[in-house]
N, C-alpha and C. Protein backbone atom coordinates (compact mmCIF):
# COMPACT_ATOMS: atom_id res chain seq x y z
N MET A 1 -7.75 26.84 1.02
CA MET A 1 -7.80 26.46 2.02
C MET A 1 -7.78 25.03 0.96
N ASN A 2 -6.92 24.66 1.49
CA ASN A 2 -6.33 23.07 0.87
C ASN A 2 -6.72 22.85 1.60
N ARG A 3 -7.52 21.19 1.02
CA ARG A 3 -7.86 19.87 1.21
C ARG A 3 -8.10 19.23 0.61
N ALA A 4 -8.43 17.85 1.14
CA ALA A 4 -9.23 17.03 -0.01
C ALA A 4 -10.14 16.31 0.79
N ASP A 5 -11.03 15.43 -0.19
CA ASP A 5 -12.30 15.51 0.45
C ASP A 5 -12.04 13.86 0.44
N ILE A 6 -12.19 12.57 1.87
CA ILE A 6 -12.45 12.01 1.34
C ILE A 6 -13.74 11.52 1.93
N TYR A 7 -15.04 10.51 1.65
CA TYR A 7 -15.71 10.80 1.94
C TYR A 7 -15.71 8.69 2.34
N GLY A 8 -15.91 8.10 3.38
CA GLY A 8 -15.66 6.51 4.12
C GLY A 8 -13.89 6.68 4.36
N GLY A 9 -13.35 6.09 4.97
CA GLY A 9 -11.85 5.74 5.30
C GLY A 9 -11.76 4.52 4.59
N LEU A 10 -10.38 3.88 3.62
CA LEU A 10 -10.58 3.27 2.66
C LEU A 10 -9.36 3.41 2.85
N THR A 11 -9.24 1.60 1.37
CA THR A 11 -7.75 1.56 1.24
C THR A 11 -7.93 0.80 0.36
N ALA A 12 -7.46 0.49 -0.34
CA ALA A 12 -7.70 0.07 -1.70
C ALA A 12 -6.24 -0.86 -3.20
N ALA A 13 -6.11 -2.00 -3.06
CA ALA A 13 -4.44 -2.93 -3.18
C ALA A 13 -5.21 -2.55 -4.72
N LEU A 14 -3.87 -2.05 -5.58
CA LEU A 14 -3.71 -2.29 -6.67
C LEU A 14 -3.65 -2.68 -7.48
N ASN A 15 -3.08 -3.16 -7.42
CA ASN A 15 -2.38 -4.53 -7.64
C ASN A 15 -2.08 -5.06 -9.23
N ASP A 16 -2.76 -5.21 -9.96
CA ASP A 16 -2.52 -4.76 -11.62
C ASP A 16 -3.62 -4.70 -12.65
N GLY A 17 -4.00 -2.90 -12.20
CA GLY A 17 -5.03 -2.14 -12.76
C GLY A 17 -6.15 -2.67 -12.49
N PRO A 18 -6.73 -2.41 -13.69
CA PRO A 18 -6.83 -1.14 -14.78
C PRO A 18 -6.48 -0.47 -14.09
N ILE A 19 -6.60 0.56 -15.03
CA ILE A 19 -5.81 2.23 -14.41
C ILE A 19 -6.36 2.63 -15.04
N SER A 20 -7.78 3.89 -15.58
CA SER A 20 -7.58 5.38 -16.67
C SER A 20 -8.27 6.54 -15.90
N THR A 21 -8.74 6.91 -17.25
CA THR A 21 -9.28 8.46 -17.35
C THR A 21 -10.33 8.22 -17.88
N ALA A 22 -11.72 9.34 -16.90
CA ALA A 22 -12.44 9.37 -17.32
C ALA A 22 -13.91 10.66 -17.29
N TYR A 23 -14.00 11.17 -18.20
CA TYR A 23 -14.15 12.75 -18.46
C TYR A 23 -16.04 12.65 -18.50
N GLY A 24 -16.21 14.18 -18.27
CA GLY A 24 -17.49 13.78 -18.60
C GLY A 24 -18.05 15.16 -17.88
N ARG A 25 -19.88 15.34 -17.20
CA ARG A 25 -20.05 16.32 -16.34
C ARG A 25 -21.54 15.63 -15.44
N ASP A 26 -21.10 16.45 -14.46
CA ASP A 26 -21.83 16.06 -13.34
C ASP A 26 -23.48 16.72 -13.45
N ILE A 27 -24.08 16.45 -12.55
CA ILE A 27 -25.79 16.04 -12.54
C ILE A 27 -25.91 17.72 -12.83
N ASN A 28 -24.76 18.44 -12.35
CA ASN A 28 -25.44 19.82 -12.74
C ASN A 28 -25.17 20.45 -14.17
N GLY A 29 -24.21 19.84 -14.93
CA GLY A 29 -23.51 19.86 -16.18
C GLY A 29 -22.73 20.40 -15.82
N LYS A 30 -21.49 20.02 -15.12
CA LYS A 30 -20.07 20.81 -14.56
C LYS A 30 -19.08 19.70 -15.26
N PRO A 31 -18.30 20.11 -16.20
CA PRO A 31 -17.28 19.37 -16.07
C PRO A 31 -16.15 18.55 -15.28
N THR A 32 -16.05 17.00 -15.52
CA THR A 32 -15.13 16.28 -14.25
C THR A 32 -14.53 15.53 -15.31
N ALA A 33 -13.39 15.26 -14.08
CA ALA A 33 -12.40 14.92 -14.42
C ALA A 33 -12.43 13.16 -13.30
N LEU A 34 -11.92 12.27 -13.62
CA LEU A 34 -11.56 11.20 -12.81
C LEU A 34 -10.51 10.53 -13.28
N LEU A 35 -9.44 10.08 -12.56
CA LEU A 35 -8.78 8.94 -12.00
C LEU A 35 -8.63 8.24 -11.51
N VAL A 36 -9.52 6.27 -12.18
CA VAL A 36 -10.45 5.18 -12.14
C VAL A 36 -9.36 4.25 -11.78
N ILE A 37 -9.73 3.79 -10.88
CA ILE A 37 -8.51 2.43 -10.37
C ILE A 37 -9.79 1.42 -10.35
N GLY A 38 -9.79 -0.44 -11.33
CA GLY A 38 -10.31 -0.84 -11.11
C GLY A 38 -11.81 -1.01 -12.04
N ASP A 39 -12.01 -1.93 -12.34
CA ASP A 39 -13.14 -1.64 -13.29
C ASP A 39 -15.19 -2.43 -13.19
N GLY A 40 -15.19 -1.94 -13.67
CA GLY A 40 -16.56 -2.82 -12.72
C GLY A 40 -17.35 -2.85 -11.90
N ALA A 41 -17.85 -3.23 -10.45
CA ALA A 41 -18.53 -3.55 -10.00
C ALA A 41 -16.95 -3.03 -8.53
N ARG A 42 -15.89 -2.81 -8.99
CA ARG A 42 -14.35 -2.35 -8.28
C ARG A 42 -14.00 -1.80 -8.42
N THR A 43 -14.35 -0.21 -8.72
CA THR A 43 -13.94 0.68 -9.31
C THR A 43 -13.97 1.91 -8.36
N LEU A 44 -12.73 2.65 -8.12
CA LEU A 44 -12.42 3.48 -7.38
C LEU A 44 -11.90 4.68 -8.32
N GLY A 45 -13.09 5.84 -8.29
CA GLY A 45 -12.25 6.39 -8.82
C GLY A 45 -12.29 7.92 -8.24
N ILE A 46 -11.28 8.76 -8.69
CA ILE A 46 -10.66 9.77 -7.49
C ILE A 46 -11.06 11.29 -8.62
N SER A 47 -11.83 11.98 -8.11
CA SER A 47 -12.30 13.12 -8.74
C SER A 47 -11.37 14.28 -8.25
N VAL A 48 -11.00 14.58 -10.07
CA VAL A 48 -9.57 15.77 -10.52
C VAL A 48 -9.59 16.41 -10.64
N GLY A 49 -11.10 16.69 -11.05
CA GLY A 49 -11.48 18.04 -12.49
C GLY A 49 -11.74 19.41 -11.10
N ASP A 50 -11.62 19.82 -9.82
CA ASP A 50 -11.30 20.93 -9.05
C ASP A 50 -9.80 21.03 -8.44
N SER A 51 -8.90 19.75 -8.69
CA SER A 51 -7.76 20.51 -8.58
C SER A 51 -6.66 21.01 -9.76
N SER A 52 -5.52 21.29 -8.48
CA SER A 52 -5.03 22.05 -9.17
C SER A 52 -3.46 21.88 -9.94
N LEU A 53 -2.90 22.29 -10.68
CA LEU A 53 -1.79 22.02 -11.94
C LEU A 53 -1.47 21.37 -10.75
N ASP A 54 -0.72 22.43 -9.38
CA ASP A 54 0.28 22.46 -8.35
C ASP A 54 0.04 21.06 -8.19
N THR A 55 -1.46 20.37 -7.44
CA THR A 55 -2.05 19.83 -6.94
C THR A 55 -0.91 18.43 -7.77
N LEU A 56 -1.90 17.92 -8.90
CA LEU A 56 -1.37 16.66 -9.64
C LEU A 56 -0.27 17.22 -10.27
N ASP A 57 0.28 18.37 -9.64
CA ASP A 57 2.15 17.62 -9.98
C ASP A 57 2.60 17.09 -8.68
N GLN A 58 1.64 17.44 -7.77
CA GLN A 58 2.17 16.31 -5.91
C GLN A 58 1.95 15.05 -6.63
N LEU A 59 0.64 14.84 -7.09
CA LEU A 59 0.26 13.51 -7.32
C LEU A 59 1.27 13.06 -8.17
N GLU A 60 1.46 13.78 -9.54
CA GLU A 60 2.53 13.06 -10.63
C GLU A 60 4.18 12.55 -9.71
N ALA A 61 4.12 13.66 -8.36
CA ALA A 61 5.23 13.45 -7.38
C ALA A 61 5.29 11.97 -6.75
N ALA A 62 4.83 11.50 -5.81
CA ALA A 62 3.90 10.67 -5.64
C ALA A 62 3.55 9.38 -5.77
N VAL A 63 3.45 9.45 -7.40
CA VAL A 63 3.64 8.18 -7.86
C VAL A 63 5.23 7.73 -8.37
N ALA A 64 5.66 8.48 -9.43
CA ALA A 64 7.32 8.00 -8.97
C ALA A 64 7.64 7.54 -7.84
N GLU A 65 7.54 8.09 -6.67
CA GLU A 65 8.09 7.87 -5.76
C GLU A 65 7.72 6.63 -5.38
N LEU A 66 6.65 6.61 -5.79
CA LEU A 66 5.87 4.70 -5.16
C LEU A 66 6.53 3.89 -6.36
N LYS A 67 6.54 4.58 -7.46
CA LYS A 67 7.21 3.80 -8.38
C LYS A 67 8.90 2.93 -8.40
N ALA A 68 9.43 4.08 -7.53
CA ALA A 68 11.10 4.58 -7.17
C ALA A 68 11.03 2.64 -6.08
N TRP A 69 10.45 3.51 -4.62
CA TRP A 69 10.39 2.13 -4.16
C TRP A 69 10.17 0.96 -4.72
N ALA A 70 8.82 0.71 -5.22
CA ALA A 70 8.31 -0.36 -5.86
C ALA A 70 10.06 -1.16 -6.73
N LEU A 71 10.38 -0.59 -6.66
CA LEU A 71 12.10 -0.62 -8.02
C LEU A 71 13.28 -1.19 -6.95
N ARG A 72 13.31 -0.39 -5.93
CA ARG A 72 13.86 -0.71 -5.14
C ARG A 72 13.95 -2.45 -4.29
N GLN A 73 12.70 -2.45 -4.13
CA GLN A 73 12.00 -3.90 -3.47
C GLN A 73 12.00 -4.79 -4.73
N GLN A 74 12.23 -4.97 -5.78
CA GLN A 74 12.49 -6.08 -7.00
C GLN A 74 13.83 -6.06 -6.53
N GLN A 75 14.57 -5.65 -6.99
CA GLN A 75 15.80 -4.93 -6.44
C GLN A 75 16.51 -5.76 -5.45
N LEU A 76 15.93 -5.49 -4.10
CA LEU A 76 16.03 -6.17 -3.29
C LEU A 76 15.73 -7.62 -3.49
N LYS A 77 14.78 -8.20 -3.96
CA LYS A 77 14.89 -9.48 -4.22
C LYS A 77 15.57 -10.09 -5.09
N SER A 78 16.25 -9.66 -6.05
CA SER A 78 16.92 -10.26 -6.17
C SER A 78 17.99 -10.80 -5.72
N LEU A 79 18.35 -10.62 -4.35
CA LEU A 79 19.91 -10.55 -4.18
C LEU A 79 19.86 -11.56 -3.63
N PRO A 80 21.03 -11.98 -3.80
CA PRO A 80 21.25 -13.00 -2.31
C PRO A 80 20.60 -13.35 -1.07
N GLU A 81 20.61 -14.84 -0.30
CA GLU A 81 20.02 -14.16 1.39
C GLU A 81 21.36 -13.83 1.35
N VAL A 82 21.39 -14.22 2.66
CA VAL A 82 22.95 -13.94 3.78
C VAL A 82 22.57 -14.90 5.02
N ALA A 83 23.25 -15.39 5.20
CA ALA A 83 23.45 -16.34 6.85
C ALA A 83 23.53 -15.52 7.90
């Protein structure tokens, strides 16, 4: 079954990071891996420990798509305004 578990709806503003990874073990000793956005009390952790390589490839492709969008937005800002 393909699914993503979202515990409560949320929107997080990435702004300028920080972004990191964290590795460890859960309370049952199972290995865990997290994509961590933010720090301190403003941290969002996305567990990827149970993700397949295909799912991580999808994440990588989505980030590349978002980066391309941000680049286009920067390029549009640099164009002169027309009347």
